[in-house]
Amino acid sequence: MAWFEGEDLACLRGDRLVFAALSLALEQGGALLLEGPNGSGKSSLLKLLAGLLPAFSGTIRLAGADLAREPEALRETIAYLGHADAVKPALSVRENLEFWAALSPRPGSLAAALAAVDLGDIAGRPGRFLSSGQRRRLALARLLAAPASLWLADEPTVGLDRASVARFEAMLAAHRAAGGAVILSSHLPIALPGAQTLNLDDFAPDLVNPFLDEEEE
């Protein structure tokens, strides 16, 4: 049994079956890169794995625990980073990180988190004065301020320059070296040595929804 796995997963959004019969497995220290065009279900899969969307069918297990039955395992083990930067404009860079660290049972070093994304020099700047790239770097710093074993990241490098992407790649490498794992989607190249790939197009359902009977169709 893998450390983290999804078995026979299906996702229904409204009346649309986004993907079906999807399975994945990931060990500690591993990485999985999600591929596929827009609309193929990458974001939906990440939200489903993070517990933000219910699975239409299938099972998600973490260290053998069924996350549908033991959702408390999510809080300490899984960190989700979506499209939104979740930066409070009235709070400073440091205060934003302090907010997220306070939600963690084992907060990380704020100084180390700020240094990792090169925001230490503007730690006192209010969020409303940050550029889009700075807001994204602050969002990435949350992964270190509120540590978790599994990182789920949806297009984490959007808006970043090459130097900032390199810093994030260093974060990923250190996280995996310490036994952490990562699942992410990215339309831009990102260094993930030894990563598995999963193309969502391979799990696209038939045009006719197999879960609906003829009358419902």
N, C-alpha and C. Protein backbone atom coordinates (compact mmCIF):
# COMPACT_ATOMS: atom_id res chain seq x y z
N MET A 1 0.84 -1.20 0.00
CA MET A 1 0.00 0.00 0.00
C MET A 1 0.88 1.25 0.00
N ALA A 2 0.59 2.17 -0.90
CA ALA A 2 1.36 3.40 -0.99
C ALA A 2 1.05 4.33 0.18
N TRP A 3 1.96 5.28 0.43
CA TRP A 3 1.75 6.23 1.52
C TRP A 3 0.51 7.09 1.26
N PHE A 4 0.37 7.58 0.02
CA PHE A 4 -0.81 8.36 -0.36
C PHE A 4 -1.34 7.78 -1.65
N GLU A 5 -2.64 7.52 -1.70
CA GLU A 5 -3.19 6.93 -2.91
C GLU A 5 -4.65 7.30 -3.11
N GLY A 6 -5.02 7.39 -4.36
CA GLY A 6 -6.42 7.55 -4.75
C GLY A 6 -6.79 6.36 -5.62
N GLU A 7 -7.93 5.77 -5.35
CA GLU A 7 -8.34 4.56 -6.06
C GLU A 7 -9.69 4.75 -6.72
N ASP A 8 -9.73 4.56 -8.04
CA ASP A 8 -10.96 4.58 -8.83
C ASP A 8 -11.76 5.86 -8.59
N LEU A 9 -11.08 7.00 -8.66
CA LEU A 9 -11.71 8.29 -8.35
C LEU A 9 -12.52 8.81 -9.53
N ALA A 10 -13.65 9.42 -9.22
CA ALA A 10 -14.46 10.13 -10.21
C ALA A 10 -14.88 11.46 -9.60
N CYS A 11 -14.98 12.48 -10.45
CA CYS A 11 -15.36 13.81 -10.00
C CYS A 11 -16.52 14.33 -10.82
N LEU A 12 -17.58 14.75 -10.16
CA LEU A 12 -18.77 15.31 -10.81
C LEU A 12 -18.90 16.76 -10.41
N ARG A 13 -18.93 17.67 -11.40
CA ARG A 13 -19.12 19.09 -11.15
C ARG A 13 -20.41 19.51 -11.85
N GLY A 14 -21.45 19.85 -11.06
CA GLY A 14 -22.75 20.11 -11.65
C GLY A 14 -23.28 18.82 -12.24
N ASP A 15 -23.57 18.83 -13.53
CA ASP A 15 -24.02 17.61 -14.20
C ASP A 15 -22.94 17.07 -15.13
N ARG A 16 -21.71 17.52 -14.95
CA ARG A 16 -20.61 17.09 -15.82
C ARG A 16 -19.66 16.17 -15.07
N LEU A 17 -19.44 15.00 -15.64
CA LEU A 17 -18.44 14.09 -15.11
C LEU A 17 -17.08 14.52 -15.65
N VAL A 18 -16.22 15.03 -14.78
CA VAL A 18 -14.95 15.62 -15.21
C VAL A 18 -13.93 14.53 -15.53
N PHE A 19 -13.79 13.56 -14.64
CA PHE A 19 -12.92 12.41 -14.90
C PHE A 19 -13.48 11.22 -14.13
N ALA A 20 -13.03 10.03 -14.52
CA ALA A 20 -13.52 8.80 -13.89
C ALA A 20 -12.44 7.73 -13.97
N ALA A 21 -12.55 6.74 -13.08
CA ALA A 21 -11.63 5.58 -13.05
C ALA A 21 -10.18 6.01 -12.94
N LEU A 22 -9.92 7.05 -12.13
CA LEU A 22 -8.57 7.58 -11.96
C LEU A 22 -7.96 7.03 -10.68
N SER A 23 -6.79 6.51 -10.78
CA SER A 23 -6.06 6.02 -9.61
C SER A 23 -4.65 6.60 -9.63
N LEU A 24 -4.09 6.84 -8.45
CA LEU A 24 -2.73 7.35 -8.33
C LEU A 24 -2.13 6.83 -7.03
N ALA A 25 -0.82 6.79 -6.98
CA ALA A 25 -0.12 6.33 -5.78
C ALA A 25 1.18 7.11 -5.66
N LEU A 26 1.51 7.50 -4.44
CA LEU A 26 2.69 8.33 -4.20
C LEU A 26 3.33 7.93 -2.88
N GLU A 27 4.65 7.77 -2.92
CA GLU A 27 5.39 7.47 -1.70
C GLU A 27 5.98 8.75 -1.12
N GLN A 28 6.41 8.70 0.13
CA GLN A 28 7.07 9.84 0.74
C GLN A 28 8.36 10.15 -0.03
N GLY A 29 8.59 11.42 -0.28
CA GLY A 29 9.72 11.84 -1.09
C GLY A 29 9.42 11.88 -2.57
N GLY A 30 8.20 11.48 -2.94
CA GLY A 30 7.84 11.41 -4.36
C GLY A 30 7.20 12.68 -4.87
N ALA A 31 7.01 12.70 -6.19
CA ALA A 31 6.39 13.85 -6.84
C ALA A 31 5.54 13.35 -8.00
N LEU A 32 4.42 14.02 -8.21
CA LEU A 32 3.51 13.69 -9.30
C LEU A 32 3.14 14.98 -10.01
N LEU A 33 3.38 15.02 -11.32
CA LEU A 33 3.06 16.20 -12.13
C LEU A 33 1.80 15.90 -12.94
N LEU A 34 0.78 16.73 -12.76
CA LEU A 34 -0.49 16.57 -13.48
C LEU A 34 -0.40 17.29 -14.81
N GLU A 35 -0.82 16.60 -15.86
CA GLU A 35 -0.80 17.16 -17.20
C GLU A 35 -2.19 17.12 -17.81
N GLY A 36 -2.36 17.87 -18.88
CA GLY A 36 -3.65 17.90 -19.57
C GLY A 36 -4.05 19.33 -19.87
N PRO A 37 -4.90 19.54 -20.88
CA PRO A 37 -5.32 20.89 -21.26
C PRO A 37 -6.27 21.49 -20.23
N ASN A 38 -6.52 22.78 -20.35
CA ASN A 38 -7.51 23.44 -19.50
C ASN A 38 -8.85 22.72 -19.63
N GLY A 39 -9.50 22.50 -18.49
CA GLY A 39 -10.78 21.83 -18.49
C GLY A 39 -10.69 20.32 -18.35
N SER A 40 -9.48 19.78 -18.30
CA SER A 40 -9.34 18.33 -18.20
C SER A 40 -9.52 17.81 -16.78
N GLY A 41 -9.50 18.71 -15.79
CA GLY A 41 -9.78 18.29 -14.42
C GLY A 41 -8.61 18.36 -13.46
N LYS A 42 -7.53 19.01 -13.83
CA LYS A 42 -6.37 19.09 -12.93
C LYS A 42 -6.72 19.81 -11.63
N SER A 43 -7.34 20.97 -11.74
CA SER A 43 -7.71 21.73 -10.54
C SER A 43 -8.73 20.96 -9.70
N SER A 44 -9.69 20.33 -10.37
CA SER A 44 -10.70 19.56 -9.63
C SER A 44 -10.06 18.39 -8.88
N LEU A 45 -9.10 17.73 -9.50
CA LEU A 45 -8.44 16.62 -8.83
C LEU A 45 -7.68 17.10 -7.60
N LEU A 46 -6.96 18.21 -7.72
CA LEU A 46 -6.21 18.72 -6.57
C LEU A 46 -7.14 19.10 -5.42
N LYS A 47 -8.28 19.73 -5.74
CA LYS A 47 -9.24 20.08 -4.69
C LYS A 47 -9.86 18.84 -4.06
N LEU A 48 -10.09 17.84 -4.87
CA LEU A 48 -10.64 16.59 -4.36
C LEU A 48 -9.64 15.92 -3.41
N LEU A 49 -8.37 15.89 -3.79
CA LEU A 49 -7.34 15.28 -2.95
C LEU A 49 -7.14 16.06 -1.66
N ALA A 50 -7.40 17.38 -1.71
CA ALA A 50 -7.25 18.22 -0.52
C ALA A 50 -8.47 18.18 0.38
N GLY A 51 -9.51 17.50 -0.05
CA GLY A 51 -10.73 17.44 0.75
C GLY A 51 -11.64 18.62 0.57
N LEU A 52 -11.40 19.44 -0.45
CA LEU A 52 -12.22 20.62 -0.71
C LEU A 52 -13.40 20.30 -1.62
N LEU A 53 -13.33 19.17 -2.32
CA LEU A 53 -14.43 18.67 -3.13
C LEU A 53 -14.68 17.22 -2.74
N PRO A 54 -15.93 16.80 -2.68
CA PRO A 54 -16.19 15.38 -2.42
C PRO A 54 -15.97 14.55 -3.68
N ALA A 55 -15.44 13.38 -3.50
CA ALA A 55 -15.31 12.46 -4.63
C ALA A 55 -16.68 11.89 -4.97
N PHE A 56 -17.01 11.86 -6.27
CA PHE A 56 -18.26 11.24 -6.70
C PHE A 56 -18.20 9.74 -6.45
N SER A 57 -17.02 9.18 -6.63
CA SER A 57 -16.78 7.78 -6.29
C SER A 57 -15.30 7.61 -6.05
N GLY A 58 -14.93 6.52 -5.41
CA GLY A 58 -13.53 6.23 -5.17
C GLY A 58 -13.11 6.52 -3.73
N THR A 59 -11.85 6.20 -3.45
CA THR A 59 -11.30 6.31 -2.09
C THR A 59 -9.95 6.99 -2.13
N ILE A 60 -9.70 7.84 -1.12
CA ILE A 60 -8.40 8.48 -0.95
C ILE A 60 -7.85 8.03 0.40
N ARG A 61 -6.63 7.52 0.39
CA ARG A 61 -6.02 7.01 1.62
C ARG A 61 -4.68 7.70 1.86
N LEU A 62 -4.43 7.98 3.11
CA LEU A 62 -3.17 8.57 3.55
C LEU A 62 -2.63 7.70 4.67
N ALA A 63 -1.48 7.07 4.43
CA ALA A 63 -0.88 6.16 5.41
C ALA A 63 -1.91 5.12 5.86
N GLY A 64 -2.72 4.66 4.92
CA GLY A 64 -3.71 3.63 5.20
C GLY A 64 -5.03 4.14 5.72
N ALA A 65 -5.11 5.42 6.08
CA ALA A 65 -6.36 5.98 6.62
C ALA A 65 -7.24 6.49 5.48
N ASP A 66 -8.52 6.15 5.52
CA ASP A 66 -9.49 6.64 4.55
C ASP A 66 -9.85 8.07 4.93
N LEU A 67 -9.49 9.03 4.07
CA LEU A 67 -9.68 10.43 4.42
C LEU A 67 -11.14 10.84 4.49
N ALA A 68 -12.04 10.09 3.86
CA ALA A 68 -13.46 10.39 3.98
C ALA A 68 -13.96 10.07 5.38
N ARG A 69 -13.33 9.10 6.02
CA ARG A 69 -13.74 8.69 7.37
C ARG A 69 -12.90 9.34 8.46
N GLU A 70 -11.68 9.77 8.11
CA GLU A 70 -10.79 10.38 9.09
C GLU A 70 -10.25 11.70 8.54
N PRO A 71 -11.15 12.68 8.30
CA PRO A 71 -10.72 13.94 7.67
C PRO A 71 -9.74 14.75 8.51
N GLU A 72 -9.65 14.48 9.80
CA GLU A 72 -8.71 15.22 10.63
C GLU A 72 -7.27 15.00 10.19
N ALA A 73 -7.01 13.90 9.48
CA ALA A 73 -5.66 13.64 8.99
C ALA A 73 -5.23 14.69 7.96
N LEU A 74 -6.20 15.34 7.31
CA LEU A 74 -5.89 16.35 6.30
C LEU A 74 -5.17 17.55 6.90
N ARG A 75 -5.61 17.98 8.08
CA ARG A 75 -5.15 19.25 8.63
C ARG A 75 -3.65 19.26 8.88
N GLU A 76 -3.12 18.17 9.37
CA GLU A 76 -1.71 18.15 9.71
C GLU A 76 -0.82 17.66 8.57
N THR A 77 -1.39 17.02 7.58
CA THR A 77 -0.57 16.32 6.60
C THR A 77 -0.62 16.93 5.21
N ILE A 78 -1.68 17.64 4.87
CA ILE A 78 -1.84 18.14 3.50
C ILE A 78 -1.95 19.66 3.48
N ALA A 79 -1.16 20.29 2.60
CA ALA A 79 -1.23 21.73 2.36
C ALA A 79 -1.65 21.95 0.91
N TYR A 80 -2.67 22.79 0.73
CA TYR A 80 -3.19 23.07 -0.61
C TYR A 80 -2.91 24.51 -0.99
N LEU A 81 -2.36 24.70 -2.18
CA LEU A 81 -2.10 26.04 -2.72
C LEU A 81 -2.82 26.15 -4.05
N GLY A 82 -3.88 26.97 -4.09
CA GLY A 82 -4.67 27.12 -5.31
C GLY A 82 -4.28 28.34 -6.11
N HIS A 83 -5.18 28.76 -7.00
CA HIS A 83 -4.91 29.92 -7.86
C HIS A 83 -4.88 31.22 -7.06
N ALA A 84 -5.73 31.33 -6.05
CA ALA A 84 -5.80 32.55 -5.24
C ALA A 84 -4.61 32.61 -4.29
N ASP A 85 -4.01 33.80 -4.16
CA ASP A 85 -2.86 33.95 -3.27
C ASP A 85 -3.25 34.03 -1.80
N ALA A 86 -4.50 34.37 -1.52
CA ALA A 86 -5.01 34.44 -0.14
C ALA A 86 -4.16 35.38 0.72
N VAL A 87 -3.86 36.54 0.18
CA VAL A 87 -3.10 37.56 0.90
C VAL A 87 -4.07 38.62 1.42
N LYS A 88 -4.09 38.82 2.72
CA LYS A 88 -4.96 39.85 3.31
C LYS A 88 -4.30 41.22 3.10
N PRO A 89 -4.96 42.15 2.38
CA PRO A 89 -4.31 43.40 2.00
C PRO A 89 -3.95 44.31 3.16
N ALA A 90 -4.69 44.23 4.28
CA ALA A 90 -4.41 45.12 5.40
C ALA A 90 -3.27 44.63 6.28
N LEU A 91 -2.90 43.37 6.14
CA LEU A 91 -1.83 42.80 6.96
C LEU A 91 -0.50 42.89 6.23
N SER A 92 0.57 42.98 7.00
CA SER A 92 1.90 43.00 6.40
C SER A 92 2.26 41.60 5.92
N VAL A 93 3.35 41.52 5.19
CA VAL A 93 3.85 40.23 4.72
C VAL A 93 4.04 39.29 5.90
N ARG A 94 4.71 39.75 6.95
CA ARG A 94 4.94 38.90 8.12
C ARG A 94 3.62 38.55 8.81
N GLU A 95 2.72 39.49 8.94
CA GLU A 95 1.44 39.21 9.61
C GLU A 95 0.62 38.20 8.84
N ASN A 96 0.68 38.26 7.50
CA ASN A 96 -0.01 37.25 6.71
C ASN A 96 0.54 35.86 7.02
N LEU A 97 1.86 35.75 7.09
CA LEU A 97 2.46 34.46 7.41
C LEU A 97 2.14 34.01 8.83
N GLU A 98 2.12 34.96 9.76
CA GLU A 98 1.78 34.63 11.14
C GLU A 98 0.36 34.07 11.24
N PHE A 99 -0.55 34.61 10.44
CA PHE A 99 -1.93 34.11 10.41
C PHE A 99 -1.96 32.64 10.02
N TRP A 100 -1.24 32.30 8.93
CA TRP A 100 -1.25 30.91 8.47
C TRP A 100 -0.50 30.00 9.42
N ALA A 101 0.60 30.48 9.99
CA ALA A 101 1.36 29.66 10.93
C ALA A 101 0.54 29.34 12.17
N ALA A 102 -0.31 30.28 12.59
CA ALA A 102 -1.13 30.06 13.78
C ALA A 102 -2.15 28.94 13.58
N LEU A 103 -2.46 28.63 12.33
CA LEU A 103 -3.41 27.55 12.04
C LEU A 103 -2.75 26.18 12.05
N SER A 104 -1.42 26.17 12.10
CA SER A 104 -0.69 24.91 12.02
C SER A 104 -0.40 24.37 13.41
N PRO A 105 -0.53 23.06 13.61
CA PRO A 105 -0.16 22.49 14.91
C PRO A 105 1.34 22.54 15.17
N ARG A 106 2.13 22.64 14.09
CA ARG A 106 3.59 22.72 14.24
C ARG A 106 4.13 23.78 13.28
N PRO A 107 3.96 25.05 13.63
CA PRO A 107 4.39 26.12 12.71
C PRO A 107 5.89 26.10 12.46
N GLY A 108 6.25 26.52 11.24
CA GLY A 108 7.65 26.60 10.89
C GLY A 108 8.23 27.96 11.20
N SER A 109 9.50 28.14 10.91
CA SER A 109 10.19 29.40 11.14
C SER A 109 9.75 30.44 10.13
N LEU A 110 9.23 31.56 10.61
CA LEU A 110 8.81 32.63 9.70
C LEU A 110 10.01 33.25 9.00
N ALA A 111 11.12 33.38 9.71
CA ALA A 111 12.31 33.96 9.10
C ALA A 111 12.80 33.08 7.95
N ALA A 112 12.79 31.78 8.17
CA ALA A 112 13.24 30.86 7.11
C ALA A 112 12.28 30.89 5.93
N ALA A 113 10.98 30.98 6.21
CA ALA A 113 10.00 31.03 5.13
C ALA A 113 10.17 32.30 4.30
N LEU A 114 10.39 33.44 4.95
CA LEU A 114 10.58 34.70 4.24
C LEU A 114 11.87 34.67 3.42
N ALA A 115 12.92 34.10 3.98
CA ALA A 115 14.19 34.03 3.27
C ALA A 115 14.09 33.13 2.05
N ALA A 116 13.33 32.04 2.16
CA ALA A 116 13.23 31.08 1.06
C ALA A 116 12.62 31.70 -0.19
N VAL A 117 11.74 32.70 0.00
CA VAL A 117 11.09 33.35 -1.15
C VAL A 117 11.58 34.78 -1.35
N ASP A 118 12.65 35.13 -0.63
CA ASP A 118 13.28 36.44 -0.78
C ASP A 118 12.33 37.60 -0.50
N LEU A 119 11.61 37.49 0.62
CA LEU A 119 10.71 38.57 1.03
C LEU A 119 11.10 39.17 2.38
N GLY A 120 12.25 38.78 2.92
CA GLY A 120 12.65 39.27 4.23
C GLY A 120 12.78 40.77 4.30
N ASP A 121 13.24 41.40 3.23
CA ASP A 121 13.46 42.85 3.24
C ASP A 121 12.17 43.65 3.23
N ILE A 122 11.05 43.03 2.86
CA ILE A 122 9.78 43.76 2.83
C ILE A 122 8.75 43.10 3.75
N ALA A 123 9.24 42.48 4.82
CA ALA A 123 8.34 41.76 5.73
C ALA A 123 7.29 42.67 6.36
N GLY A 124 7.59 43.97 6.48
CA GLY A 124 6.64 44.88 7.09
C GLY A 124 5.71 45.56 6.10
N ARG A 125 5.83 45.26 4.82
CA ARG A 125 5.01 45.93 3.80
C ARG A 125 3.59 45.35 3.80
N PRO A 126 2.57 46.21 3.78
CA PRO A 126 1.18 45.71 3.72
C PRO A 126 0.92 44.95 2.42
N GLY A 127 0.05 43.96 2.50
CA GLY A 127 -0.26 43.14 1.35
C GLY A 127 -0.78 43.92 0.17
N ARG A 128 -1.48 45.03 0.42
CA ARG A 128 -2.07 45.78 -0.69
C ARG A 128 -1.02 46.46 -1.56
N PHE A 129 0.21 46.55 -1.08
CA PHE A 129 1.26 47.18 -1.87
C PHE A 129 2.19 46.17 -2.56
N LEU A 130 1.84 44.91 -2.52
CA LEU A 130 2.67 43.89 -3.15
C LEU A 130 2.33 43.74 -4.63
N SER A 131 3.34 43.45 -5.41
CA SER A 131 3.11 43.13 -6.82
C SER A 131 2.51 41.73 -6.92
N SER A 132 2.05 41.36 -8.10
CA SER A 132 1.47 40.02 -8.27
C SER A 132 2.50 38.93 -7.99
N GLY A 133 3.74 39.16 -8.42
CA GLY A 133 4.79 38.18 -8.16
C GLY A 133 5.11 38.07 -6.68
N GLN A 134 5.12 39.20 -5.97
CA GLN A 134 5.37 39.17 -4.53
C GLN A 134 4.24 38.46 -3.79
N ARG A 135 3.00 38.67 -4.22
CA ARG A 135 1.88 37.98 -3.58
C ARG A 135 2.00 36.46 -3.79
N ARG A 136 2.40 36.06 -4.99
CA ARG A 136 2.56 34.62 -5.24
C ARG A 136 3.68 34.03 -4.39
N ARG A 137 4.79 34.78 -4.24
CA ARG A 137 5.89 34.31 -3.40
C ARG A 137 5.46 34.20 -1.95
N LEU A 138 4.63 35.14 -1.50
CA LEU A 138 4.11 35.07 -0.13
C LEU A 138 3.22 33.84 0.03
N ALA A 139 2.42 33.54 -0.99
CA ALA A 139 1.60 32.34 -0.93
C ALA A 139 2.47 31.09 -0.82
N LEU A 140 3.57 31.04 -1.57
CA LEU A 140 4.48 29.90 -1.49
C LEU A 140 5.12 29.79 -0.11
N ALA A 141 5.39 30.93 0.51
CA ALA A 141 6.00 30.90 1.85
C ALA A 141 5.09 30.23 2.87
N ARG A 142 3.78 30.22 2.62
CA ARG A 142 2.86 29.53 3.53
C ARG A 142 3.19 28.06 3.67
N LEU A 143 3.74 27.46 2.62
CA LEU A 143 4.08 26.05 2.66
C LEU A 143 5.14 25.75 3.72
N LEU A 144 5.97 26.76 4.01
CA LEU A 144 7.01 26.59 5.03
C LEU A 144 6.56 27.10 6.39
N ALA A 145 5.73 28.12 6.41
CA ALA A 145 5.24 28.66 7.69
C ALA A 145 4.25 27.73 8.36
N ALA A 146 3.50 26.99 7.55
CA ALA A 146 2.54 26.01 8.08
C ALA A 146 2.86 24.66 7.43
N PRO A 147 3.90 23.98 7.90
CA PRO A 147 4.41 22.79 7.20
C PRO A 147 3.41 21.64 7.15
N ALA A 148 3.49 20.88 6.07
CA ALA A 148 2.68 19.67 5.89
C ALA A 148 3.50 18.69 5.06
N SER A 149 3.19 17.42 5.20
CA SER A 149 3.98 16.40 4.51
C SER A 149 3.70 16.34 3.02
N LEU A 150 2.45 16.62 2.63
CA LEU A 150 2.07 16.55 1.22
C LEU A 150 1.65 17.92 0.74
N TRP A 151 2.32 18.42 -0.30
CA TRP A 151 1.96 19.70 -0.91
C TRP A 151 1.15 19.44 -2.16
N LEU A 152 0.00 20.09 -2.25
CA LEU A 152 -0.84 20.05 -3.44
C LEU A 152 -0.87 21.47 -4.01
N ALA A 153 -0.35 21.65 -5.21
CA ALA A 153 -0.18 23.01 -5.74
C ALA A 153 -0.72 23.09 -7.16
N ASP A 154 -1.60 24.08 -7.38
CA ASP A 154 -2.24 24.28 -8.67
C ASP A 154 -1.59 25.48 -9.36
N GLU A 155 -0.79 25.24 -10.38
CA GLU A 155 -0.07 26.28 -11.12
C GLU A 155 0.68 27.22 -10.17
N PRO A 156 1.56 26.67 -9.34
CA PRO A 156 2.21 27.49 -8.31
C PRO A 156 3.18 28.54 -8.84
N THR A 157 3.67 28.40 -10.08
CA THR A 157 4.68 29.33 -10.58
C THR A 157 4.11 30.45 -11.44
N VAL A 158 2.78 30.54 -11.55
CA VAL A 158 2.18 31.61 -12.35
C VAL A 158 2.58 32.97 -11.78
N GLY A 159 3.07 33.85 -12.63
CA GLY A 159 3.44 35.20 -12.21
C GLY A 159 4.83 35.32 -11.64
N LEU A 160 5.59 34.23 -11.60
CA LEU A 160 6.93 34.28 -11.03
C LEU A 160 7.99 34.48 -12.12
N ASP A 161 9.05 35.22 -11.78
CA ASP A 161 10.18 35.31 -12.69
C ASP A 161 11.07 34.08 -12.51
N ARG A 162 12.09 33.94 -13.35
CA ARG A 162 12.91 32.74 -13.34
C ARG A 162 13.61 32.54 -12.00
N ALA A 163 14.08 33.64 -11.39
CA ALA A 163 14.77 33.52 -10.10
C ALA A 163 13.82 32.98 -9.03
N SER A 164 12.57 33.44 -9.05
CA SER A 164 11.60 32.98 -8.06
C SER A 164 11.21 31.53 -8.30
N VAL A 165 11.12 31.14 -9.58
CA VAL A 165 10.85 29.73 -9.89
C VAL A 165 11.98 28.86 -9.36
N ALA A 166 13.22 29.31 -9.51
CA ALA A 166 14.37 28.55 -9.01
C ALA A 166 14.31 28.40 -7.49
N ARG A 167 13.87 29.46 -6.79
CA ARG A 167 13.74 29.35 -5.34
C ARG A 167 12.67 28.33 -4.97
N PHE A 168 11.57 28.32 -5.72
CA PHE A 168 10.52 27.35 -5.43
C PHE A 168 11.01 25.94 -5.72
N GLU A 169 11.77 25.78 -6.79
CA GLU A 169 12.33 24.46 -7.09
C GLU A 169 13.24 23.98 -5.96
N ALA A 170 13.99 24.91 -5.35
CA ALA A 170 14.83 24.56 -4.21
C ALA A 170 13.96 24.14 -3.02
N MET A 171 12.84 24.83 -2.82
CA MET A 171 11.90 24.44 -1.75
C MET A 171 11.37 23.03 -1.98
N LEU A 172 11.01 22.74 -3.23
CA LEU A 172 10.49 21.41 -3.55
C LEU A 172 11.54 20.33 -3.28
N ALA A 173 12.78 20.59 -3.70
CA ALA A 173 13.85 19.61 -3.51
C ALA A 173 14.11 19.35 -2.02
N ALA A 174 14.13 20.43 -1.23
CA ALA A 174 14.36 20.26 0.21
C ALA A 174 13.21 19.53 0.88
N HIS A 175 12.00 19.84 0.46
CA HIS A 175 10.81 19.18 1.01
C HIS A 175 10.84 17.69 0.74
N ARG A 176 11.17 17.32 -0.49
CA ARG A 176 11.22 15.90 -0.84
C ARG A 176 12.38 15.20 -0.15
N ALA A 177 13.51 15.87 -0.02
CA ALA A 177 14.66 15.27 0.64
C ALA A 177 14.37 14.96 2.10
N ALA A 178 13.47 15.75 2.70
CA ALA A 178 13.08 15.54 4.09
C ALA A 178 11.94 14.52 4.24
N GLY A 179 11.54 13.90 3.12
CA GLY A 179 10.49 12.90 3.18
C GLY A 179 9.12 13.39 2.79
N GLY A 180 9.02 14.66 2.40
CA GLY A 180 7.74 15.19 1.95
C GLY A 180 7.44 14.78 0.52
N ALA A 181 6.21 14.96 0.11
CA ALA A 181 5.78 14.61 -1.25
C ALA A 181 5.02 15.79 -1.84
N VAL A 182 4.88 15.78 -3.17
CA VAL A 182 4.23 16.90 -3.84
C VAL A 182 3.44 16.40 -5.04
N ILE A 183 2.25 16.99 -5.23
CA ILE A 183 1.46 16.79 -6.44
C ILE A 183 1.14 18.19 -6.96
N LEU A 184 1.49 18.45 -8.20
CA LEU A 184 1.24 19.80 -8.72
C LEU A 184 0.91 19.77 -10.20
N SER A 185 0.28 20.85 -10.63
CA SER A 185 0.03 21.09 -12.05
C SER A 185 0.82 22.32 -12.44
N SER A 186 1.33 22.33 -13.66
CA SER A 186 2.06 23.50 -14.13
C SER A 186 2.14 23.47 -15.65
N HIS A 187 1.75 24.59 -16.27
CA HIS A 187 1.91 24.71 -17.71
C HIS A 187 3.33 25.14 -18.07
N LEU A 188 4.09 25.59 -17.07
CA LEU A 188 5.46 26.03 -17.29
C LEU A 188 6.43 24.95 -16.81
N PRO A 189 7.60 24.85 -17.43
CA PRO A 189 8.58 23.86 -16.99
C PRO A 189 8.97 24.07 -15.54
N ILE A 190 9.09 22.98 -14.80
CA ILE A 190 9.51 23.05 -13.40
C ILE A 190 10.32 21.80 -13.09
N ALA A 191 11.41 21.98 -12.36
CA ALA A 191 12.31 20.87 -12.07
C ALA A 191 11.72 19.99 -10.97
N LEU A 192 11.40 18.75 -11.34
CA LEU A 192 10.92 17.74 -10.38
C LEU A 192 11.60 16.42 -10.74
N PRO A 193 12.86 16.27 -10.40
CA PRO A 193 13.59 15.06 -10.80
C PRO A 193 12.89 13.79 -10.34
N GLY A 194 12.75 12.84 -11.27
CA GLY A 194 12.16 11.56 -10.92
C GLY A 194 10.67 11.57 -10.74
N ALA A 195 10.00 12.66 -11.11
CA ALA A 195 8.55 12.76 -10.89
C ALA A 195 7.78 11.83 -11.81
N GLN A 196 6.67 11.30 -11.28
CA GLN A 196 5.69 10.62 -12.11
C GLN A 196 4.88 11.68 -12.86
N THR A 197 4.22 11.27 -13.93
CA THR A 197 3.29 12.16 -14.61
C THR A 197 1.94 11.45 -14.74
N LEU A 198 0.89 12.24 -14.72
CA LEU A 198 -0.46 11.72 -14.86
C LEU A 198 -1.22 12.68 -15.77
N ASN A 199 -1.66 12.19 -16.91
CA ASN A 199 -2.39 13.03 -17.86
C ASN A 199 -3.88 12.83 -17.67
N LEU A 200 -4.57 13.91 -17.32
CA LEU A 200 -6.00 13.82 -17.03
C LEU A 200 -6.82 13.42 -18.25
N ASP A 201 -6.30 13.67 -19.44
CA ASP A 201 -7.01 13.26 -20.65
C ASP A 201 -7.22 11.74 -20.69
N ASP A 202 -6.34 11.00 -20.03
CA ASP A 202 -6.45 9.54 -20.04
C ASP A 202 -7.65 9.05 -19.23
N PHE A 203 -8.27 9.96 -18.44
CA PHE A 203 -9.38 9.56 -17.58
C PHE A 203 -10.66 10.32 -17.91
N ALA A 204 -10.67 10.91 -19.12
CA ALA A 204 -11.87 11.62 -19.56
C ALA A 204 -12.99 10.61 -19.79
N PRO A 205 -14.19 10.88 -19.26
CA PRO A 205 -15.32 9.95 -19.44
C PRO A 205 -15.86 10.02 -20.86
N ASP A 206 -16.68 9.05 -21.21
CA ASP A 206 -17.37 9.10 -22.49
C ASP A 206 -18.29 10.30 -22.54
N LEU A 207 -18.67 10.71 -23.75
CA LEU A 207 -19.57 11.86 -23.90
C LEU A 207 -20.89 11.62 -23.18
N VAL A 208 -21.36 10.37 -23.17
CA VAL A 208 -22.56 10.03 -22.41
C VAL A 208 -22.16 9.67 -21.00
N ASN A 209 -22.73 10.33 -20.03
CA ASN A 209 -22.40 10.08 -18.63
C ASN A 209 -22.84 8.68 -18.23
N PRO A 210 -21.91 7.79 -17.89
CA PRO A 210 -22.27 6.41 -17.57
C PRO A 210 -23.02 6.27 -16.25
N PHE A 211 -23.05 7.34 -15.43
CA PHE A 211 -23.73 7.26 -14.16
C PHE A 211 -25.20 7.68 -14.23
N LEU A 212 -25.63 8.12 -15.44
CA LEU A 212 -27.03 8.52 -15.61
C LEU A 212 -27.77 7.47 -16.40
N ASP A 213 -29.02 7.24 -16.04
CA ASP A 213 -29.81 6.28 -16.83
C ASP A 213 -30.39 7.00 -18.05
N GLU A 214 -31.05 6.27 -18.91
CA GLU A 214 -31.51 6.83 -20.17
C GLU A 214 -32.51 7.95 -19.97
N GLU A 215 -33.38 7.83 -18.97
CA GLU A 215 -34.38 8.88 -18.75
C GLU A 215 -33.71 10.16 -18.33
N GLU A 216 -32.67 10.07 -17.46
CA GLU A 216 -32.00 11.27 -16.99
C GLU A 216 -31.22 11.94 -18.11
N GLU A 217 -30.71 11.15 -19.07
CA GLU A 217 -29.98 11.72 -20.17
C GLU A 217 -30.88 12.58 -21.03
